[in-house]
N, C-alpha and C. Protein backbone atom coordinates (compact mmCIF):
# COMPACT_ATOMS: atom_id res chain seq x y z
N MET A 1 171.91 36.33 75.29
CA MET A 1 171.95 37.71 75.66
C MET A 1 171.48 37.84 77.10
N SER A 2 172.21 38.60 77.90
CA SER A 2 171.84 38.74 79.31
C SER A 2 170.79 39.82 79.48
N ALA A 3 170.07 39.71 80.59
CA ALA A 3 169.01 40.68 80.88
C ALA A 3 169.65 42.03 81.22
N PRO A 4 168.98 43.13 80.86
CA PRO A 4 169.51 44.45 81.20
C PRO A 4 169.57 44.63 82.72
N THR A 5 170.48 45.46 83.17
CA THR A 5 170.60 45.77 84.59
C THR A 5 169.36 46.54 85.02
N PRO A 6 168.69 46.08 86.08
CA PRO A 6 167.49 46.79 86.54
C PRO A 6 167.82 48.22 86.97
N LEU A 7 166.96 49.14 86.62
CA LEU A 7 167.19 50.55 86.91
C LEU A 7 166.30 51.02 88.06
N PHE A 8 166.88 51.91 88.86
CA PHE A 8 166.17 52.54 89.96
C PHE A 8 165.96 54.01 89.64
N LEU A 9 165.20 54.70 90.45
CA LEU A 9 164.87 56.11 90.21
C LEU A 9 166.15 56.94 90.03
N GLU A 10 167.18 56.66 90.82
CA GLU A 10 168.43 57.42 90.75
C GLU A 10 169.16 57.26 89.42
N ASP A 11 168.84 56.21 88.69
CA ASP A 11 169.50 55.95 87.41
C ASP A 11 168.87 56.70 86.25
N LEU A 12 167.74 57.35 86.49
CA LEU A 12 166.97 57.97 85.42
C LEU A 12 167.16 59.48 85.36
N HIS A 13 167.08 60.02 84.14
CA HIS A 13 167.13 61.46 83.94
C HIS A 13 166.35 61.83 82.68
N PRO A 14 165.76 63.03 82.66
CA PRO A 14 165.01 63.47 81.49
C PRO A 14 165.87 63.43 80.22
N GLY A 15 165.26 62.98 79.15
CA GLY A 15 165.97 62.87 77.87
C GLY A 15 166.57 61.50 77.62
N GLN A 16 166.65 60.70 78.66
CA GLN A 16 167.20 59.34 78.52
C GLN A 16 166.26 58.49 77.67
N LYS A 17 166.85 57.76 76.72
CA LYS A 17 166.04 56.95 75.81
C LYS A 17 166.39 55.48 75.94
N PHE A 18 165.37 54.65 75.77
CA PHE A 18 165.52 53.21 75.87
C PHE A 18 164.93 52.56 74.63
N PRO A 19 165.75 51.88 73.85
CA PRO A 19 165.20 51.19 72.67
C PRO A 19 164.46 49.93 73.09
N GLY A 20 163.39 49.65 72.40
CA GLY A 20 162.70 48.38 72.57
C GLY A 20 163.09 47.52 71.38
N GLY A 21 162.46 46.41 71.25
CA GLY A 21 162.75 45.55 70.11
C GLY A 21 161.88 45.91 68.92
N GLN A 22 161.91 45.04 67.95
CA GLN A 22 161.05 45.17 66.78
C GLN A 22 160.10 43.99 66.76
N VAL A 23 158.94 44.22 66.17
CA VAL A 23 157.95 43.16 66.04
C VAL A 23 157.29 43.29 64.67
N LEU A 24 157.08 42.15 64.04
CA LEU A 24 156.41 42.09 62.74
C LEU A 24 154.93 41.83 62.97
N LEU A 25 154.08 42.64 62.37
CA LEU A 25 152.64 42.49 62.54
C LEU A 25 152.14 41.36 61.65
N ASP A 26 151.80 40.25 62.27
CA ASP A 26 151.34 39.06 61.58
C ASP A 26 149.82 39.13 61.39
N LEU A 27 149.37 38.93 60.18
CA LEU A 27 147.94 39.02 59.85
C LEU A 27 147.09 38.11 60.73
N HIS A 28 147.48 36.86 60.90
CA HIS A 28 146.67 35.90 61.64
C HIS A 28 146.59 36.24 63.12
N ARG A 29 147.71 36.65 63.71
CA ARG A 29 147.70 37.03 65.13
C ARG A 29 146.90 38.32 65.33
N MET A 30 147.04 39.26 64.38
CA MET A 30 146.31 40.52 64.44
C MET A 30 144.80 40.26 64.42
N LYS A 31 144.36 39.40 63.51
CA LYS A 31 142.93 39.08 63.41
C LYS A 31 142.45 38.28 64.62
N ALA A 32 143.27 37.37 65.11
CA ALA A 32 142.87 36.58 66.29
C ALA A 32 142.66 37.49 67.50
N PHE A 33 143.55 38.45 67.70
CA PHE A 33 143.38 39.40 68.80
C PHE A 33 142.07 40.18 68.62
N ALA A 34 141.87 40.70 67.41
CA ALA A 34 140.66 41.48 67.13
C ALA A 34 139.40 40.64 67.34
N ALA A 35 139.42 39.40 66.88
CA ALA A 35 138.25 38.54 67.03
C ALA A 35 137.88 38.37 68.50
N GLU A 36 138.87 38.28 69.36
CA GLU A 36 138.60 38.07 70.78
C GLU A 36 138.33 39.37 71.54
N PHE A 37 139.07 40.45 71.23
CA PHE A 37 139.01 41.63 72.08
C PHE A 37 138.48 42.91 71.42
N ASP A 38 138.48 42.99 70.10
CA ASP A 38 138.05 44.22 69.42
C ASP A 38 137.44 43.86 68.07
N PRO A 39 136.33 43.10 68.07
CA PRO A 39 135.79 42.53 66.85
C PRO A 39 135.02 43.51 65.96
N GLN A 40 135.75 44.45 65.40
CA GLN A 40 135.15 45.41 64.49
C GLN A 40 135.53 45.05 63.05
N PRO A 41 134.65 45.32 62.09
CA PRO A 41 134.89 44.88 60.71
C PRO A 41 136.22 45.35 60.12
N PHE A 42 136.66 46.56 60.45
CA PHE A 42 137.91 47.07 59.86
C PHE A 42 139.15 46.41 60.44
N HIS A 43 138.98 45.58 61.48
CA HIS A 43 140.08 44.78 62.03
C HIS A 43 140.04 43.34 61.53
N LEU A 44 138.89 42.92 61.00
CA LEU A 44 138.69 41.49 60.70
C LEU A 44 138.42 41.16 59.22
N ASP A 45 137.83 42.08 58.50
CA ASP A 45 137.36 41.76 57.15
C ASP A 45 137.96 42.74 56.14
N GLU A 46 138.77 42.22 55.24
CA GLU A 46 139.47 43.06 54.27
C GLU A 46 138.50 43.87 53.41
N THR A 47 137.39 43.27 52.99
CA THR A 47 136.42 43.96 52.14
C THR A 47 135.76 45.09 52.91
N ALA A 48 135.28 44.81 54.10
CA ALA A 48 134.64 45.85 54.92
C ALA A 48 135.64 46.95 55.27
N ALA A 49 136.88 46.58 55.49
CA ALA A 49 137.91 47.55 55.87
C ALA A 49 138.18 48.55 54.74
N GLN A 50 138.01 48.10 53.49
CA GLN A 50 138.26 49.00 52.36
C GLN A 50 137.31 50.20 52.36
N THR A 51 136.12 50.03 52.87
CA THR A 51 135.14 51.12 52.88
C THR A 51 135.15 51.90 54.19
N SER A 52 136.06 51.54 55.11
CA SER A 52 136.15 52.23 56.40
C SER A 52 137.06 53.45 56.28
N ILE A 53 137.14 54.19 57.34
CA ILE A 53 138.04 55.35 57.41
C ILE A 53 139.50 54.94 57.19
N PHE A 54 139.82 53.69 57.47
CA PHE A 54 141.20 53.20 57.34
C PHE A 54 141.57 52.83 55.91
N ARG A 55 140.59 52.63 55.05
CA ARG A 55 140.83 52.25 53.64
C ARG A 55 141.71 51.01 53.52
N GLY A 56 141.46 50.07 54.41
CA GLY A 56 142.19 48.81 54.42
C GLY A 56 142.22 48.24 55.81
N LEU A 57 142.60 46.99 55.90
CA LEU A 57 142.64 46.30 57.19
C LEU A 57 143.60 47.01 58.14
N ALA A 58 143.14 47.29 59.34
CA ALA A 58 143.94 47.98 60.35
C ALA A 58 143.96 47.15 61.62
N GLY A 59 145.12 47.08 62.24
CA GLY A 59 145.23 46.37 63.52
C GLY A 59 144.54 47.17 64.62
N SER A 60 144.00 46.48 65.58
CA SER A 60 143.41 47.13 66.74
C SER A 60 144.49 47.93 67.48
N GLY A 61 144.13 49.11 67.92
CA GLY A 61 145.06 49.90 68.73
C GLY A 61 145.44 49.18 70.00
N TRP A 62 144.52 48.37 70.51
CA TRP A 62 144.80 47.61 71.74
C TRP A 62 145.81 46.49 71.47
N TYR A 63 145.80 45.97 70.27
CA TYR A 63 146.81 44.98 69.89
C TYR A 63 148.17 45.65 69.83
N THR A 64 148.22 46.82 69.23
CA THR A 64 149.47 47.58 69.18
C THR A 64 149.97 47.87 70.58
N ALA A 65 149.06 48.26 71.47
CA ALA A 65 149.44 48.54 72.87
C ALA A 65 149.97 47.28 73.55
N ALA A 66 149.34 46.14 73.29
CA ALA A 66 149.81 44.88 73.89
C ALA A 66 151.19 44.51 73.36
N LEU A 67 151.43 44.72 72.07
CA LEU A 67 152.76 44.44 71.51
C LEU A 67 153.81 45.36 72.13
N ALA A 68 153.45 46.63 72.33
CA ALA A 68 154.37 47.57 72.96
C ALA A 68 154.68 47.16 74.39
N MET A 69 153.65 46.73 75.12
CA MET A 69 153.86 46.30 76.50
C MET A 69 154.82 45.13 76.56
N ARG A 70 154.66 44.20 75.64
CA ARG A 70 155.57 43.05 75.62
C ARG A 70 157.02 43.50 75.39
N GLN A 71 157.20 44.46 74.48
CA GLN A 71 158.54 44.98 74.22
C GLN A 71 159.12 45.65 75.47
N LEU A 72 158.30 46.38 76.20
CA LEU A 72 158.76 47.04 77.42
C LEU A 72 159.17 46.01 78.47
N VAL A 73 158.35 44.99 78.66
CA VAL A 73 158.63 43.96 79.66
C VAL A 73 159.88 43.14 79.29
N ASP A 74 160.07 42.93 77.99
CA ASP A 74 161.22 42.14 77.54
C ASP A 74 162.54 42.88 77.61
N GLY A 75 162.53 44.09 78.15
CA GLY A 75 163.79 44.81 78.35
C GLY A 75 163.81 46.22 77.83
N GLY A 76 162.72 46.65 77.22
CA GLY A 76 162.69 48.01 76.68
C GLY A 76 162.64 49.09 77.75
N LEU A 77 162.25 48.73 78.94
CA LEU A 77 162.23 49.65 80.07
C LEU A 77 162.51 48.84 81.33
N PRO A 78 163.80 48.59 81.60
CA PRO A 78 164.18 47.63 82.65
C PRO A 78 164.17 48.20 84.06
N PHE A 79 162.99 48.62 84.53
CA PHE A 79 162.89 49.16 85.88
C PHE A 79 162.91 48.03 86.91
N ALA A 80 163.65 48.27 87.98
CA ALA A 80 163.68 47.31 89.08
C ALA A 80 162.25 47.16 89.63
N HIS A 81 161.86 45.96 89.93
CA HIS A 81 160.55 45.64 90.51
C HIS A 81 159.40 45.78 89.52
N GLY A 82 159.69 45.86 88.21
CA GLY A 82 158.64 45.83 87.20
C GLY A 82 158.09 47.18 86.80
N LEU A 83 157.13 47.11 85.89
CA LEU A 83 156.49 48.30 85.33
C LEU A 83 155.11 48.45 85.94
N ILE A 84 154.98 49.40 86.83
CA ILE A 84 153.72 49.62 87.55
C ILE A 84 153.17 50.95 87.08
N GLY A 85 152.19 50.90 86.20
CA GLY A 85 151.60 52.10 85.63
C GLY A 85 150.65 52.78 86.60
N LEU A 86 150.71 54.11 86.60
CA LEU A 86 149.84 54.90 87.47
C LEU A 86 148.85 55.74 86.68
N GLY A 87 148.81 55.54 85.37
CA GLY A 87 147.89 56.29 84.52
C GLY A 87 148.64 56.99 83.42
N GLY A 88 147.92 57.28 82.35
CA GLY A 88 148.58 57.94 81.24
C GLY A 88 147.62 58.32 80.14
N GLU A 89 148.19 58.77 79.05
CA GLU A 89 147.43 59.18 77.87
C GLU A 89 147.95 58.42 76.67
N ILE A 90 147.03 57.91 75.85
CA ILE A 90 147.41 57.07 74.72
C ILE A 90 146.87 57.67 73.41
N ALA A 91 147.64 57.51 72.36
CA ALA A 91 147.21 57.98 71.04
C ALA A 91 147.69 56.99 69.98
N TRP A 92 146.89 56.87 68.93
CA TRP A 92 147.24 56.03 67.78
C TRP A 92 147.16 56.92 66.53
N PRO A 93 148.24 57.67 66.21
CA PRO A 93 148.18 58.63 65.11
C PRO A 93 148.01 58.02 63.72
N HIS A 94 148.50 56.82 63.52
CA HIS A 94 148.38 56.13 62.23
C HIS A 94 148.02 54.68 62.47
N PRO A 95 147.27 54.07 61.56
CA PRO A 95 146.90 52.66 61.75
C PRO A 95 148.09 51.73 61.50
N THR A 96 148.01 50.56 62.11
CA THR A 96 148.97 49.50 61.82
C THR A 96 148.36 48.59 60.76
N ARG A 97 149.23 47.99 59.98
CA ARG A 97 148.79 47.13 58.89
C ARG A 97 149.50 45.79 58.96
N PRO A 98 148.88 44.73 58.45
CA PRO A 98 149.57 43.44 58.39
C PRO A 98 150.89 43.61 57.63
N GLY A 99 151.94 43.02 58.17
CA GLY A 99 153.25 43.11 57.54
C GLY A 99 154.09 44.28 58.02
N ASP A 100 153.51 45.20 58.79
CA ASP A 100 154.30 46.30 59.34
C ASP A 100 155.37 45.77 60.29
N THR A 101 156.51 46.43 60.29
CA THR A 101 157.55 46.18 61.28
C THR A 101 157.50 47.34 62.25
N LEU A 102 157.20 47.06 63.51
CA LEU A 102 157.04 48.09 64.52
C LEU A 102 158.24 48.12 65.45
N THR A 103 158.70 49.33 65.76
CA THR A 103 159.86 49.54 66.62
C THR A 103 159.45 50.46 67.77
N LEU A 104 159.87 50.10 68.97
CA LEU A 104 159.50 50.88 70.16
C LEU A 104 160.71 51.63 70.71
N GLU A 105 160.46 52.86 71.16
CA GLU A 105 161.46 53.62 71.89
C GLU A 105 160.75 54.35 73.03
N SER A 106 161.38 54.37 74.19
CA SER A 106 160.82 55.06 75.34
C SER A 106 161.77 56.16 75.77
N GLU A 107 161.19 57.27 76.19
CA GLU A 107 162.00 58.41 76.63
C GLU A 107 161.51 58.88 78.00
N ILE A 108 162.45 59.11 78.90
CA ILE A 108 162.13 59.66 80.22
C ILE A 108 161.89 61.16 80.04
N LEU A 109 160.71 61.61 80.43
CA LEU A 109 160.37 63.03 80.32
C LEU A 109 160.60 63.78 81.62
N GLU A 110 160.34 63.08 82.73
CA GLU A 110 160.46 63.72 84.04
C GLU A 110 160.69 62.64 85.10
N VAL A 111 161.46 62.98 86.12
CA VAL A 111 161.70 62.09 87.26
C VAL A 111 161.27 62.85 88.51
N ILE A 112 160.33 62.25 89.26
CA ILE A 112 159.73 62.94 90.40
C ILE A 112 159.87 62.08 91.66
N PRO A 113 160.81 62.40 92.55
CA PRO A 113 160.90 61.67 93.80
C PRO A 113 159.66 61.92 94.65
N SER A 114 159.20 60.90 95.36
CA SER A 114 158.03 61.04 96.22
C SER A 114 158.42 61.77 97.50
N ARG A 115 157.57 62.71 97.92
CA ARG A 115 157.82 63.41 99.18
C ARG A 115 157.33 62.57 100.37
N SER A 116 156.28 61.80 100.16
CA SER A 116 155.68 61.04 101.27
C SER A 116 156.19 59.61 101.37
N LYS A 117 156.77 59.08 100.27
CA LYS A 117 157.28 57.71 100.28
C LYS A 117 158.72 57.74 99.76
N PRO A 118 159.69 57.92 100.66
CA PRO A 118 161.07 58.12 100.23
C PRO A 118 161.69 56.94 99.48
N GLN A 119 161.07 55.78 99.51
CA GLN A 119 161.62 54.60 98.84
C GLN A 119 161.20 54.51 97.37
N GLN A 120 160.46 55.51 96.88
CA GLN A 120 159.97 55.44 95.50
C GLN A 120 159.76 56.82 94.90
N GLY A 121 159.41 56.81 93.63
CA GLY A 121 159.10 58.04 92.92
C GLY A 121 158.34 57.70 91.66
N ILE A 122 158.23 58.67 90.78
CA ILE A 122 157.48 58.50 89.54
C ILE A 122 158.36 58.93 88.38
N ALA A 123 158.34 58.15 87.31
CA ALA A 123 158.96 58.54 86.06
C ALA A 123 157.84 58.79 85.05
N LEU A 124 157.87 59.95 84.43
CA LEU A 124 156.95 60.24 83.34
C LEU A 124 157.67 59.81 82.06
N VAL A 125 157.07 58.87 81.35
CA VAL A 125 157.72 58.23 80.21
C VAL A 125 156.83 58.33 78.98
N ARG A 126 157.44 58.66 77.83
CA ARG A 126 156.71 58.61 76.57
C ARG A 126 157.23 57.42 75.77
N CYS A 127 156.34 56.49 75.49
CA CYS A 127 156.65 55.29 74.71
C CYS A 127 156.08 55.51 73.31
N THR A 128 156.93 55.43 72.32
CA THR A 128 156.50 55.66 70.94
C THR A 128 156.84 54.44 70.09
N MET A 129 155.84 53.94 69.38
CA MET A 129 156.06 52.84 68.46
C MET A 129 155.88 53.40 67.05
N THR A 130 156.87 53.11 66.19
CA THR A 130 156.82 53.58 64.81
C THR A 130 156.82 52.39 63.87
N ASN A 131 156.29 52.62 62.67
CA ASN A 131 156.33 51.56 61.66
C ASN A 131 157.59 51.70 60.82
N GLN A 132 157.72 50.85 59.84
CA GLN A 132 158.92 50.81 59.00
C GLN A 132 159.11 52.09 58.18
N ASP A 133 158.08 52.91 58.07
CA ASP A 133 158.17 54.19 57.35
C ASP A 133 158.45 55.36 58.28
N GLY A 134 158.66 55.05 59.58
CA GLY A 134 158.94 56.10 60.56
C GLY A 134 157.70 56.82 61.06
N LYS A 135 156.52 56.32 60.72
CA LYS A 135 155.27 56.93 61.19
C LYS A 135 154.92 56.40 62.58
N SER A 136 154.56 57.30 63.47
CA SER A 136 154.14 56.90 64.81
C SER A 136 152.78 56.22 64.73
N VAL A 137 152.69 55.02 65.30
CA VAL A 137 151.42 54.29 65.31
C VAL A 137 150.87 54.15 66.73
N TYR A 138 151.69 54.53 67.73
CA TYR A 138 151.30 54.38 69.13
C TYR A 138 152.17 55.33 69.94
N ILE A 139 151.52 56.18 70.72
CA ILE A 139 152.23 57.05 71.65
C ILE A 139 151.53 56.94 72.99
N PHE A 140 152.28 56.53 73.99
CA PHE A 140 151.73 56.36 75.33
C PHE A 140 152.59 57.15 76.29
N THR A 141 152.00 58.18 76.88
CA THR A 141 152.69 58.98 77.89
C THR A 141 152.13 58.54 79.23
N VAL A 142 153.01 57.99 80.06
CA VAL A 142 152.54 57.27 81.24
C VAL A 142 153.39 57.61 82.47
N LYS A 143 152.73 57.65 83.61
CA LYS A 143 153.43 57.77 84.89
C LYS A 143 153.69 56.36 85.39
N ILE A 144 154.95 56.07 85.71
CA ILE A 144 155.32 54.74 86.19
C ILE A 144 155.96 54.86 87.57
N LEU A 145 155.50 54.02 88.47
CA LEU A 145 156.10 53.94 89.81
C LEU A 145 157.49 53.32 89.68
N VAL A 146 158.49 54.00 90.25
CA VAL A 146 159.86 53.49 90.18
C VAL A 146 160.43 53.50 91.59
N HIS A 147 161.04 52.38 91.96
CA HIS A 147 161.65 52.27 93.30
C HIS A 147 163.00 52.94 93.33
N ARG A 148 163.35 53.46 94.49
CA ARG A 148 164.69 54.01 94.72
C ARG A 148 165.61 52.85 95.07
N ARG A 149 166.88 53.05 94.84
CA ARG A 149 167.86 52.03 95.17
C ARG A 149 167.86 51.83 96.69
N PRO A 150 167.81 50.59 97.16
CA PRO A 150 167.83 50.35 98.62
C PRO A 150 169.12 50.87 99.24
N VAL A 151 168.99 51.43 100.41
CA VAL A 151 170.14 51.93 101.15
C VAL A 151 170.74 50.78 101.93
N PRO A 152 172.06 50.51 101.73
CA PRO A 152 172.67 49.40 102.48
C PRO A 152 172.68 49.69 103.98
N ASN A 153 172.48 48.66 104.78
CA ASN A 153 172.47 48.82 106.24
C ASN A 153 173.87 48.85 106.79
């Protein structure tokens, strides 16, 4: 499969959607991430997780975010010159569980050409990851730096 054609600011418009791939939440990888980066009992210990607010083992939200980022980089948001985040807001409305199949979709909310830097602009993008039941487990609304198409000389 060939790589998607890189997109420039001129290629984007509000309402445009980009599918990401799917990823299966593996118990061992989920726990390994939590052990290193978010070592809380409800991410690591099934018994402790049962008495938590999650009522069962839940993946770290940061693990979900990392999985989403990988999907974006692998072609879910094929911006020319990469994905350069300028800040955003993140939410995890539902927990992820071992065995979940997560699917990513990104939507362009706004396209803002720069007034001071004519070679670039900003895309406001909402990235939503859902589980196999259609429940949102990750919503990231982010401003991304996007380059304009170079003008031929």
